[in-house]
N, C-alpha and C. Protein backbone atom coordinates (compact mmCIF):
# COMPACT_ATOMS: atom_id res chain seq x y z
N MET A 1 0.82 -1.21 0.00
CA MET A 1 0.00 0.00 0.00
C MET A 1 0.86 1.26 0.00
N ASP A 2 2.08 1.21 0.55
CA ASP A 2 2.89 2.42 0.55
C ASP A 2 3.20 2.89 -0.87
N ALA A 3 3.38 1.94 -1.80
CA ALA A 3 3.62 2.31 -3.19
C ALA A 3 2.42 3.02 -3.78
N GLU A 4 1.21 2.63 -3.37
CA GLU A 4 0.01 3.26 -3.89
C GLU A 4 -0.13 4.71 -3.41
N LEU A 5 0.49 5.04 -2.30
CA LEU A 5 0.49 6.43 -1.85
C LEU A 5 1.32 7.31 -2.78
N ILE A 6 2.34 6.72 -3.40
CA ILE A 6 3.27 7.47 -4.24
C ILE A 6 2.78 7.55 -5.68
N ARG A 7 2.13 6.50 -6.13
CA ARG A 7 1.78 6.38 -7.53
C ARG A 7 0.98 7.58 -7.99
N GLY A 8 1.39 8.16 -9.12
CA GLY A 8 0.73 9.34 -9.66
C GLY A 8 -0.36 8.97 -10.64
N GLY A 9 -0.68 9.93 -11.47
CA GLY A 9 -1.72 9.72 -12.46
C GLY A 9 -3.03 10.33 -12.02
N GLY A 10 -3.83 10.68 -12.99
CA GLY A 10 -5.11 11.29 -12.69
C GLY A 10 -6.15 10.25 -12.33
N GLY A 11 -7.34 10.74 -11.96
CA GLY A 11 -8.43 9.85 -11.65
C GLY A 11 -8.31 9.23 -10.28
N GLU A 12 -9.00 8.12 -10.13
CA GLU A 12 -9.11 7.48 -8.83
C GLU A 12 -7.84 6.72 -8.46
N ALA A 13 -7.40 6.84 -7.23
CA ALA A 13 -6.22 6.11 -6.76
C ALA A 13 -6.50 4.62 -6.79
N SER A 14 -5.46 3.83 -7.02
CA SER A 14 -5.65 2.38 -7.14
C SER A 14 -6.17 1.77 -5.85
N LEU A 15 -5.74 2.28 -4.70
CA LEU A 15 -6.24 1.70 -3.45
C LEU A 15 -7.73 2.01 -3.26
N THR A 16 -8.17 3.21 -3.70
CA THR A 16 -9.59 3.54 -3.63
C THR A 16 -10.37 2.66 -4.58
N HIS A 17 -9.83 2.43 -5.76
CA HIS A 17 -10.49 1.56 -6.73
C HIS A 17 -10.65 0.15 -6.17
N ARG A 18 -9.62 -0.37 -5.55
CA ARG A 18 -9.70 -1.72 -4.97
C ARG A 18 -10.76 -1.78 -3.88
N LEU A 19 -10.81 -0.75 -3.04
CA LEU A 19 -11.79 -0.72 -1.96
C LEU A 19 -13.21 -0.64 -2.52
N ARG A 20 -13.41 0.19 -3.53
CA ARG A 20 -14.74 0.30 -4.14
C ARG A 20 -15.16 -1.03 -4.75
N GLN A 21 -14.23 -1.67 -5.42
CA GLN A 21 -14.54 -2.95 -6.05
C GLN A 21 -14.91 -4.01 -5.01
N ALA A 22 -14.16 -4.03 -3.90
CA ALA A 22 -14.45 -5.00 -2.84
C ALA A 22 -15.83 -4.75 -2.23
N LEU A 23 -16.18 -3.48 -2.04
CA LEU A 23 -17.50 -3.14 -1.50
C LEU A 23 -18.61 -3.54 -2.46
N THR A 24 -18.39 -3.27 -3.74
CA THR A 24 -19.39 -3.62 -4.75
C THR A 24 -19.62 -5.13 -4.77
N GLU A 25 -18.54 -5.90 -4.68
CA GLU A 25 -18.67 -7.35 -4.68
C GLU A 25 -19.42 -7.87 -3.46
N ARG A 26 -19.46 -7.06 -2.39
CA ARG A 26 -20.17 -7.46 -1.17
C ARG A 26 -21.56 -6.83 -1.06
N GLY A 27 -22.03 -6.29 -2.18
CA GLY A 27 -23.40 -5.81 -2.21
C GLY A 27 -23.60 -4.34 -1.95
N TRP A 28 -22.51 -3.57 -1.88
CA TRP A 28 -22.62 -2.11 -1.70
C TRP A 28 -22.63 -1.48 -3.09
N LYS A 29 -23.82 -1.17 -3.59
CA LYS A 29 -23.98 -0.71 -4.97
C LYS A 29 -24.13 0.80 -5.06
N LYS A 30 -23.70 1.35 -6.18
CA LYS A 30 -23.93 2.78 -6.45
C LYS A 30 -25.41 2.96 -6.77
N ARG A 31 -25.96 4.09 -6.31
CA ARG A 31 -27.38 4.33 -6.56
C ARG A 31 -27.66 5.82 -6.66
N LYS A 32 -28.58 6.13 -7.56
CA LYS A 32 -29.13 7.48 -7.63
C LYS A 32 -30.49 7.44 -6.94
N ILE A 33 -30.64 8.29 -5.94
CA ILE A 33 -31.90 8.37 -5.21
C ILE A 33 -32.59 9.67 -5.62
N VAL A 34 -33.81 9.54 -6.14
CA VAL A 34 -34.58 10.69 -6.59
C VAL A 34 -35.67 10.97 -5.56
N ILE A 35 -35.72 12.20 -5.07
CA ILE A 35 -36.76 12.64 -4.14
C ILE A 35 -37.65 13.63 -4.87
N GLN A 36 -38.93 13.29 -4.97
CA GLN A 36 -39.89 14.15 -5.66
C GLN A 36 -40.88 14.73 -4.66
N LYS A 37 -41.19 15.99 -4.82
CA LYS A 37 -42.18 16.67 -3.99
C LYS A 37 -43.44 16.90 -4.84
N THR A 38 -44.56 16.47 -4.31
CA THR A 38 -45.82 16.62 -5.03
C THR A 38 -46.82 17.37 -4.15
N VAL A 39 -47.46 18.38 -4.72
CA VAL A 39 -48.48 19.16 -4.02
C VAL A 39 -49.76 19.10 -4.85
N ASP A 40 -50.86 18.61 -4.25
CA ASP A 40 -52.15 18.47 -4.94
C ASP A 40 -52.01 17.76 -6.28
N GLY A 41 -51.20 16.71 -6.26
CA GLY A 41 -51.05 15.89 -7.45
C GLY A 41 -50.10 16.45 -8.49
N LYS A 42 -49.51 17.61 -8.22
CA LYS A 42 -48.57 18.20 -9.17
C LYS A 42 -47.16 18.17 -8.61
N GLU A 43 -46.24 17.73 -9.47
CA GLU A 43 -44.85 17.67 -9.03
C GLU A 43 -44.29 19.08 -8.95
N ARG A 44 -43.77 19.41 -7.76
CA ARG A 44 -43.21 20.75 -7.55
C ARG A 44 -41.70 20.78 -7.69
N SER A 45 -41.05 19.72 -7.29
CA SER A 45 -39.59 19.69 -7.39
C SER A 45 -39.11 18.25 -7.31
N ALA A 46 -37.92 18.04 -7.82
CA ALA A 46 -37.28 16.73 -7.73
C ALA A 46 -35.77 16.93 -7.60
N THR A 47 -35.17 16.22 -6.68
CA THR A 47 -33.71 16.28 -6.52
C THR A 47 -33.14 14.88 -6.62
N THR A 48 -31.95 14.80 -7.18
CA THR A 48 -31.27 13.51 -7.34
C THR A 48 -30.00 13.52 -6.52
N HIS A 49 -29.80 12.47 -5.75
CA HIS A 49 -28.61 12.31 -4.93
C HIS A 49 -27.92 11.02 -5.34
N GLU A 50 -26.67 11.13 -5.78
CA GLU A 50 -25.92 9.93 -6.15
C GLU A 50 -25.02 9.53 -5.00
N ILE A 51 -25.14 8.29 -4.57
CA ILE A 51 -24.34 7.75 -3.48
C ILE A 51 -23.49 6.61 -4.05
N ASP A 52 -22.20 6.62 -3.74
CA ASP A 52 -21.30 5.61 -4.32
C ASP A 52 -21.58 4.21 -3.83
N HIS A 53 -21.98 4.07 -2.55
CA HIS A 53 -22.22 2.73 -2.00
C HIS A 53 -23.44 2.75 -1.09
N ILE A 54 -24.43 1.95 -1.45
CA ILE A 54 -25.66 1.81 -0.67
C ILE A 54 -25.84 0.33 -0.34
N ARG A 55 -26.25 0.08 0.89
CA ARG A 55 -26.53 -1.31 1.29
C ARG A 55 -27.85 -1.35 2.05
N GLU A 56 -28.77 -2.16 1.56
CA GLU A 56 -30.05 -2.35 2.23
C GLU A 56 -29.88 -3.44 3.29
N THR A 57 -30.42 -3.18 4.47
CA THR A 57 -30.40 -4.18 5.55
C THR A 57 -31.82 -4.37 6.05
N GLY A 58 -32.01 -5.35 6.90
CA GLY A 58 -33.32 -5.56 7.49
C GLY A 58 -33.76 -4.42 8.39
N GLU A 59 -32.79 -3.59 8.80
CA GLU A 59 -33.08 -2.48 9.71
C GLU A 59 -33.15 -1.13 9.02
N GLY A 60 -32.79 -1.09 7.75
CA GLY A 60 -32.81 0.18 7.04
C GLY A 60 -31.76 0.21 5.94
N CYS A 61 -31.49 1.41 5.45
CA CYS A 61 -30.57 1.61 4.34
C CYS A 61 -29.33 2.37 4.82
N VAL A 62 -28.16 1.87 4.45
CA VAL A 62 -26.90 2.47 4.86
C VAL A 62 -26.19 3.04 3.63
N ALA A 63 -25.75 4.30 3.74
CA ALA A 63 -25.03 4.96 2.65
C ALA A 63 -23.57 5.13 3.04
N LEU A 64 -22.65 4.89 2.11
CA LEU A 64 -21.22 4.98 2.40
C LEU A 64 -20.51 5.75 1.30
N GLU A 65 -19.68 6.68 1.71
CA GLU A 65 -18.84 7.43 0.77
C GLU A 65 -17.37 7.29 1.19
N ILE A 66 -16.50 7.13 0.20
CA ILE A 66 -15.06 7.07 0.43
C ILE A 66 -14.46 8.41 0.02
N GLU A 67 -13.80 9.06 0.96
CA GLU A 67 -13.10 10.31 0.67
C GLU A 67 -11.63 10.14 1.01
N TRP A 68 -10.92 9.50 0.11
CA TRP A 68 -9.51 9.20 0.36
C TRP A 68 -8.63 10.43 0.17
N ASN A 69 -8.81 11.13 -0.96
CA ASN A 69 -7.93 12.27 -1.22
C ASN A 69 -8.58 13.23 -2.21
N ASN A 70 -9.65 13.86 -1.75
CA ASN A 70 -10.32 14.90 -2.52
C ASN A 70 -10.10 16.24 -1.84
N LYS A 71 -10.62 17.29 -2.45
CA LYS A 71 -10.68 18.58 -1.75
C LYS A 71 -11.63 18.41 -0.57
N ASP A 72 -11.32 19.05 0.54
CA ASP A 72 -12.11 18.81 1.75
C ASP A 72 -13.57 19.28 1.62
N LEU A 73 -13.90 20.08 0.61
CA LEU A 73 -15.28 20.50 0.39
C LEU A 73 -16.19 19.32 0.05
N PHE A 74 -15.60 18.20 -0.39
CA PHE A 74 -16.41 17.02 -0.67
C PHE A 74 -17.10 16.50 0.59
N TYR A 75 -16.53 16.77 1.75
CA TYR A 75 -17.20 16.39 3.00
C TYR A 75 -18.53 17.10 3.14
N ASP A 76 -18.58 18.38 2.77
CA ASP A 76 -19.83 19.13 2.85
C ASP A 76 -20.89 18.48 1.97
N ARG A 77 -20.50 18.13 0.76
CA ARG A 77 -21.43 17.48 -0.16
C ARG A 77 -21.97 16.19 0.43
N ASP A 78 -21.06 15.33 0.93
CA ASP A 78 -21.47 14.03 1.47
C ASP A 78 -22.39 14.19 2.67
N LEU A 79 -21.98 15.03 3.61
CA LEU A 79 -22.75 15.19 4.85
C LEU A 79 -24.11 15.82 4.57
N GLU A 80 -24.15 16.79 3.66
CA GLU A 80 -25.43 17.42 3.33
C GLU A 80 -26.34 16.45 2.61
N ASN A 81 -25.79 15.59 1.75
CA ASN A 81 -26.58 14.53 1.11
C ASN A 81 -27.15 13.58 2.16
N PHE A 82 -26.29 13.16 3.09
CA PHE A 82 -26.76 12.26 4.14
C PHE A 82 -27.89 12.90 4.93
N GLN A 83 -27.73 14.18 5.26
CA GLN A 83 -28.75 14.89 6.02
C GLN A 83 -30.09 14.88 5.29
N ARG A 84 -30.08 15.28 4.02
CA ARG A 84 -31.33 15.34 3.25
C ARG A 84 -31.96 13.96 3.10
N LEU A 85 -31.15 12.97 2.77
CA LEU A 85 -31.68 11.63 2.56
C LEU A 85 -32.22 11.03 3.84
N HIS A 86 -31.57 11.32 4.97
CA HIS A 86 -32.08 10.80 6.25
C HIS A 86 -33.39 11.47 6.63
N VAL A 87 -33.48 12.78 6.46
CA VAL A 87 -34.71 13.50 6.79
C VAL A 87 -35.88 12.99 5.95
N GLU A 88 -35.60 12.62 4.70
CA GLU A 88 -36.65 12.12 3.82
C GLU A 88 -36.92 10.62 4.01
N GLY A 89 -36.17 9.98 4.91
CA GLY A 89 -36.39 8.56 5.17
C GLY A 89 -35.75 7.61 4.18
N ALA A 90 -34.85 8.15 3.33
CA ALA A 90 -34.23 7.31 2.31
C ALA A 90 -33.06 6.50 2.85
N ILE A 91 -32.35 7.02 3.87
CA ILE A 91 -31.26 6.27 4.49
C ILE A 91 -31.40 6.34 6.01
N SER A 92 -30.83 5.34 6.66
CA SER A 92 -30.85 5.30 8.12
C SER A 92 -29.55 5.79 8.73
N VAL A 93 -28.43 5.51 8.05
CA VAL A 93 -27.10 5.83 8.56
C VAL A 93 -26.22 6.24 7.39
N GLY A 94 -25.30 7.19 7.64
CA GLY A 94 -24.30 7.57 6.66
C GLY A 94 -22.91 7.23 7.17
N ILE A 95 -22.08 6.68 6.30
CA ILE A 95 -20.71 6.30 6.66
C ILE A 95 -19.74 7.06 5.75
N ILE A 96 -18.69 7.61 6.35
CA ILE A 96 -17.61 8.22 5.57
C ILE A 96 -16.30 7.54 5.97
N LEU A 97 -15.58 7.07 4.97
CA LEU A 97 -14.27 6.44 5.16
C LEU A 97 -13.22 7.40 4.61
N THR A 98 -12.20 7.72 5.43
CA THR A 98 -11.22 8.73 5.02
C THR A 98 -9.86 8.44 5.64
N ARG A 99 -8.88 9.28 5.34
CA ARG A 99 -7.56 9.15 5.98
C ARG A 99 -7.68 9.53 7.45
N GLY A 100 -7.15 8.68 8.30
CA GLY A 100 -7.20 8.94 9.73
C GLY A 100 -6.17 9.99 10.16
N GLN A 101 -6.31 10.41 11.41
CA GLN A 101 -5.42 11.44 11.95
C GLN A 101 -3.97 11.00 11.94
N SER A 102 -3.71 9.74 12.34
CA SER A 102 -2.32 9.27 12.39
C SER A 102 -1.74 9.12 10.99
N LEU A 103 -2.56 8.71 10.03
CA LEU A 103 -2.06 8.57 8.65
C LEU A 103 -1.72 9.94 8.07
N GLN A 104 -2.57 10.92 8.31
CA GLN A 104 -2.27 12.27 7.84
C GLN A 104 -0.98 12.78 8.49
N ARG A 105 -0.85 12.57 9.79
CA ARG A 105 0.32 13.04 10.53
C ARG A 105 1.60 12.35 10.06
N ASP A 106 1.52 11.05 9.76
CA ASP A 106 2.71 10.25 9.45
C ASP A 106 3.01 10.15 7.97
N MET A 107 2.22 10.80 7.14
CA MET A 107 2.35 10.61 5.69
C MET A 107 3.76 10.93 5.19
N ARG A 108 4.35 12.03 5.66
CA ARG A 108 5.68 12.38 5.17
C ARG A 108 6.70 11.31 5.56
N ALA A 109 6.61 10.81 6.77
CA ALA A 109 7.55 9.78 7.23
C ALA A 109 7.38 8.49 6.41
N ILE A 110 6.13 8.15 6.06
CA ILE A 110 5.87 6.95 5.27
C ILE A 110 6.46 7.10 3.88
N VAL A 111 6.24 8.27 3.26
CA VAL A 111 6.77 8.52 1.92
C VAL A 111 8.29 8.55 1.95
N LEU A 112 8.86 9.17 2.97
CA LEU A 112 10.31 9.25 3.08
C LEU A 112 10.93 7.87 3.26
N GLU A 113 10.30 7.05 4.10
CA GLU A 113 10.81 5.69 4.31
C GLU A 113 10.75 4.88 3.02
N PHE A 114 9.67 5.03 2.28
CA PHE A 114 9.54 4.37 0.98
C PHE A 114 10.68 4.79 0.05
N ALA A 115 10.94 6.08 -0.03
CA ALA A 115 11.96 6.60 -0.94
C ALA A 115 13.36 6.18 -0.51
N ARG A 116 13.64 6.23 0.79
CA ARG A 116 14.97 5.80 1.27
C ARG A 116 15.21 4.32 0.99
N ALA A 117 14.17 3.50 1.14
CA ALA A 117 14.31 2.06 0.90
C ALA A 117 14.65 1.77 -0.55
N ARG A 118 14.33 2.71 -1.44
CA ARG A 118 14.62 2.54 -2.86
C ARG A 118 15.81 3.38 -3.31
N TYR A 119 16.53 3.95 -2.34
CA TYR A 119 17.75 4.73 -2.60
C TYR A 119 17.49 5.89 -3.56
N ILE A 120 16.37 6.58 -3.36
CA ILE A 120 16.04 7.72 -4.20
C ILE A 120 16.94 8.89 -3.82
N GLY A 121 17.70 9.39 -4.80
CA GLY A 121 18.59 10.50 -4.52
C GLY A 121 18.59 11.57 -5.59
N SER A 122 17.70 11.40 -6.59
CA SER A 122 17.66 12.36 -7.69
C SER A 122 16.32 12.25 -8.42
N PHE A 123 16.07 13.21 -9.29
CA PHE A 123 14.87 13.14 -10.11
C PHE A 123 14.94 11.96 -11.07
N ASP A 124 16.15 11.59 -11.52
CA ASP A 124 16.29 10.42 -12.38
C ASP A 124 15.86 9.15 -11.64
N ASP A 125 16.20 9.06 -10.36
CA ASP A 125 15.77 7.90 -9.56
C ASP A 125 14.26 7.85 -9.45
N LEU A 126 13.64 9.02 -9.29
CA LEU A 126 12.17 9.06 -9.22
C LEU A 126 11.56 8.61 -10.54
N ALA A 127 12.16 9.04 -11.66
CA ALA A 127 11.64 8.66 -12.97
C ALA A 127 11.68 7.15 -13.15
N GLU A 128 12.70 6.50 -12.58
CA GLU A 128 12.82 5.05 -12.71
C GLU A 128 11.69 4.29 -12.03
N ILE A 129 11.07 4.91 -11.03
CA ILE A 129 9.94 4.25 -10.38
C ILE A 129 8.61 4.86 -10.82
N GLY A 130 8.66 5.65 -11.91
CA GLY A 130 7.44 6.18 -12.50
C GLY A 130 6.87 7.41 -11.85
N VAL A 131 7.70 8.16 -11.11
CA VAL A 131 7.24 9.38 -10.46
C VAL A 131 7.83 10.57 -11.20
N THR A 132 6.96 11.49 -11.64
CA THR A 132 7.40 12.66 -12.40
C THR A 132 6.93 13.93 -11.71
N PRO A 133 7.79 14.56 -10.93
CA PRO A 133 7.40 15.81 -10.27
C PRO A 133 7.12 16.90 -11.29
N THR A 134 6.26 17.84 -10.90
CA THR A 134 6.01 19.00 -11.74
C THR A 134 7.22 19.92 -11.70
N GLN A 135 7.25 20.87 -12.61
CA GLN A 135 8.36 21.82 -12.62
C GLN A 135 8.39 22.63 -11.33
N ARG A 136 7.22 22.99 -10.84
CA ARG A 136 7.15 23.73 -9.58
C ARG A 136 7.73 22.92 -8.43
N GLN A 137 7.40 21.63 -8.38
CA GLN A 137 7.95 20.76 -7.34
C GLN A 137 9.46 20.64 -7.48
N ARG A 138 9.93 20.51 -8.71
CA ARG A 138 11.38 20.44 -8.94
C ARG A 138 12.08 21.70 -8.42
N ASN A 139 11.50 22.83 -8.72
CA ASN A 139 12.11 24.08 -8.28
C ASN A 139 12.15 24.17 -6.76
N LEU A 140 11.08 23.76 -6.10
CA LEU A 140 11.04 23.80 -4.64
C LEU A 140 12.10 22.89 -4.03
N VAL A 141 12.25 21.71 -4.60
CA VAL A 141 13.25 20.76 -4.08
C VAL A 141 14.65 21.28 -4.34
N GLU A 142 14.89 21.74 -5.57
CA GLU A 142 16.24 22.20 -5.93
C GLU A 142 16.66 23.44 -5.15
N ASN A 143 15.72 24.30 -4.82
CA ASN A 143 16.03 25.55 -4.14
C ASN A 143 16.01 25.45 -2.62
N SER A 144 15.70 24.28 -2.11
CA SER A 144 15.56 24.13 -0.66
C SER A 144 16.91 24.10 0.06
N GLY A 145 17.92 23.55 -0.61
CA GLY A 145 19.23 23.43 0.01
C GLY A 145 19.37 22.25 0.95
N GLY A 146 18.32 21.45 1.09
CA GLY A 146 18.37 20.30 1.99
C GLY A 146 18.65 19.01 1.24
N GLU A 147 18.62 17.90 1.97
CA GLU A 147 18.82 16.57 1.37
C GLU A 147 17.72 16.31 0.35
N PHE A 148 18.09 15.81 -0.82
CA PHE A 148 17.14 15.64 -1.92
C PHE A 148 15.93 14.84 -1.49
N VAL A 149 16.14 13.65 -0.95
CA VAL A 149 15.02 12.76 -0.70
C VAL A 149 14.07 13.33 0.36
N ALA A 150 14.63 13.97 1.36
CA ALA A 150 13.79 14.55 2.41
C ALA A 150 12.98 15.73 1.88
N GLU A 151 13.62 16.55 1.04
CA GLU A 151 12.91 17.69 0.48
C GLU A 151 11.85 17.26 -0.51
N TRP A 152 12.16 16.23 -1.31
CA TRP A 152 11.15 15.73 -2.25
C TRP A 152 9.95 15.18 -1.48
N ALA A 153 10.18 14.41 -0.43
CA ALA A 153 9.08 13.85 0.36
C ALA A 153 8.22 14.97 0.95
N ARG A 154 8.86 16.01 1.45
CA ARG A 154 8.13 17.14 2.03
C ARG A 154 7.24 17.81 1.00
N VAL A 155 7.81 18.10 -0.18
CA VAL A 155 7.07 18.79 -1.23
C VAL A 155 5.96 17.89 -1.78
N PHE A 156 6.27 16.63 -1.99
CA PHE A 156 5.30 15.68 -2.52
C PHE A 156 4.08 15.56 -1.62
N VAL A 157 4.31 15.37 -0.33
CA VAL A 157 3.21 15.18 0.61
C VAL A 157 2.40 16.47 0.76
N ALA A 158 3.08 17.62 0.80
CA ALA A 158 2.36 18.89 0.92
C ALA A 158 1.43 19.10 -0.27
N ASP A 159 1.88 18.71 -1.46
CA ASP A 159 1.06 18.88 -2.66
C ASP A 159 -0.05 17.85 -2.76
N LYS A 160 0.28 16.61 -2.50
CA LYS A 160 -0.69 15.53 -2.74
C LYS A 160 -1.64 15.31 -1.57
N PHE A 161 -1.16 15.47 -0.36
CA PHE A 161 -1.97 15.18 0.83
C PHE A 161 -2.02 16.39 1.76
N GLY A 162 -2.19 17.56 1.19
CA GLY A 162 -2.14 18.78 1.97
C GLY A 162 -3.30 18.95 2.93
N MET A 163 -3.24 20.02 3.71
CA MET A 163 -4.23 20.25 4.75
C MET A 163 -5.61 20.56 4.20
N ALA A 164 -5.71 20.96 2.95
CA ALA A 164 -7.03 21.27 2.37
C ALA A 164 -7.65 20.06 1.67
N THR A 165 -7.09 18.86 1.89
CA THR A 165 -7.65 17.65 1.32
C THR A 165 -8.44 16.90 2.39
N THR A 166 -9.08 15.82 1.97
CA THR A 166 -9.95 15.06 2.87
C THR A 166 -9.13 14.22 3.85
N HIS A 167 -9.17 14.61 5.11
CA HIS A 167 -8.55 13.82 6.18
C HIS A 167 -9.33 14.05 7.46
N TRP A 168 -9.04 13.28 8.49
CA TRP A 168 -9.85 13.18 9.69
C TRP A 168 -10.17 14.53 10.33
N ASP A 169 -9.18 15.37 10.51
CA ASP A 169 -9.41 16.63 11.21
C ASP A 169 -10.40 17.52 10.46
N LYS A 170 -10.32 17.53 9.13
CA LYS A 170 -11.26 18.32 8.34
C LYS A 170 -12.68 17.78 8.46
N LEU A 171 -12.80 16.45 8.53
CA LEU A 171 -14.12 15.85 8.71
C LEU A 171 -14.68 16.19 10.09
N GLN A 172 -13.83 16.08 11.10
CA GLN A 172 -14.28 16.40 12.45
C GLN A 172 -14.71 17.85 12.59
N ASP A 173 -14.05 18.76 11.92
CA ASP A 173 -14.44 20.17 11.94
C ASP A 173 -15.90 20.32 11.53
N ARG A 174 -16.29 19.62 10.50
CA ARG A 174 -17.65 19.75 10.00
C ARG A 174 -18.65 19.08 10.93
N VAL A 175 -18.29 17.93 11.44
CA VAL A 175 -19.21 17.21 12.33
C VAL A 175 -19.45 18.03 13.60
N ARG A 176 -18.40 18.65 14.12
CA ARG A 176 -18.56 19.49 15.32
C ARG A 176 -19.48 20.69 15.06
N ARG A 177 -19.49 21.18 13.83
CA ARG A 177 -20.37 22.29 13.48
C ARG A 177 -21.79 21.84 13.21
N GLY A 178 -22.01 20.52 13.21
CA GLY A 178 -23.36 20.00 13.01
C GLY A 178 -23.73 19.71 11.58
N VAL A 179 -22.75 19.77 10.66
CA VAL A 179 -23.04 19.46 9.26
C VAL A 179 -23.43 17.97 9.19
N GLY A 180 -24.55 17.69 8.58
CA GLY A 180 -25.04 16.32 8.47
C GLY A 180 -26.13 15.97 9.46
N ASN A 181 -26.28 16.77 10.52
CA ASN A 181 -27.35 16.50 11.49
C ASN A 181 -28.70 16.58 10.78
N PRO A 182 -29.64 15.69 11.14
CA PRO A 182 -29.64 14.73 12.25
C PRO A 182 -29.26 13.31 11.84
N CYS A 183 -28.66 13.14 10.67
CA CYS A 183 -28.35 11.77 10.22
C CYS A 183 -27.31 11.13 11.13
N PRO A 184 -27.58 9.93 11.65
CA PRO A 184 -26.54 9.21 12.41
C PRO A 184 -25.35 8.91 11.50
N LEU A 185 -24.15 9.08 12.03
CA LEU A 185 -22.95 8.92 11.22
C LEU A 185 -22.01 7.89 11.82
N VAL A 186 -21.35 7.15 10.94
CA VAL A 186 -20.22 6.30 11.31
C VAL A 186 -19.03 6.84 10.54
N LEU A 187 -18.03 7.32 11.25
CA LEU A 187 -16.85 7.92 10.62
C LEU A 187 -15.66 7.01 10.84
N ILE A 188 -14.99 6.63 9.76
CA ILE A 188 -13.87 5.69 9.83
C ILE A 188 -12.62 6.38 9.29
N GLY A 189 -11.60 6.50 10.13
CA GLY A 189 -10.33 7.07 9.71
C GLY A 189 -9.29 5.97 9.59
N ILE A 190 -8.72 5.81 8.40
CA ILE A 190 -7.69 4.78 8.18
C ILE A 190 -6.42 5.20 8.89
N PRO A 191 -5.91 4.38 9.85
CA PRO A 191 -4.71 4.76 10.59
C PRO A 191 -3.43 4.42 9.84
N SER A 192 -2.35 5.04 10.24
CA SER A 192 -1.07 4.80 9.55
C SER A 192 -0.57 3.38 9.74
N ARG A 193 -0.97 2.73 10.82
CA ARG A 193 -0.44 1.38 11.08
C ARG A 193 -0.89 0.34 10.05
N VAL A 194 -1.92 0.64 9.26
CA VAL A 194 -2.38 -0.33 8.27
C VAL A 194 -1.64 -0.21 6.94
N VAL A 195 -0.76 0.77 6.81
CA VAL A 195 -0.04 0.94 5.55
C VAL A 195 1.02 -0.14 5.46
N ALA A 196 0.83 -1.03 4.50
CA ALA A 196 1.76 -2.13 4.31
C ALA A 196 2.90 -1.70 3.40
N LYS A 197 4.06 -2.22 3.69
CA LYS A 197 5.23 -1.90 2.86
C LYS A 197 5.31 -2.88 1.70
N THR A 198 5.63 -2.36 0.52
CA THR A 198 5.72 -3.19 -0.65
C THR A 198 7.17 -3.23 -1.13
N ALA A 199 7.51 -4.35 -1.77
CA ALA A 199 8.89 -4.51 -2.24
C ALA A 199 9.15 -3.69 -3.48
N ASP A 200 8.15 -3.55 -4.32
CA ASP A 200 8.33 -2.85 -5.59
C ASP A 200 7.18 -1.89 -5.83
N LEU A 201 7.46 -0.85 -6.61
CA LEU A 201 6.40 0.08 -6.99
C LEU A 201 5.60 -0.58 -8.10
């Protein structure tokens, strides 16, 4: 899993894709829920809410969203969706799975350990494992005056997993403000201890 933290490319991260696939195989399906308002037989409004993972149980409907590494505003979207759907009786519980506090805190150390284990000491070394820093990142590393691998890890983590992305503290900020109320919530933060080390990228 540590290699998946480093791997670049657009779109969904491979670890998120694997998790989504595993959930789908266990019956957590994507669903669009349409809520229609009717007054005296006439439709007044309709809203559509797309949820990535829904699971029906004998006790109700559970909605789950994975926010591994998005802009933190995605929490507002998820929690507000949960709130509306719960008020309308469409879901019983909302679940958000995200980076935990320890994983966010330890991310630079995890990336640095990964890079040191592969003897990364230059941009050429990064290219050999399929990592291509932007020109801005290159400039920051080159102008830092510090050890290459440590400076690259610092810049990489700040850009990819910065404070304005989805992680535990940002989620807690919203929950403390009451975003999502009155929907019952289960919040899961992935801790750093579950990050497995891989031999190869």
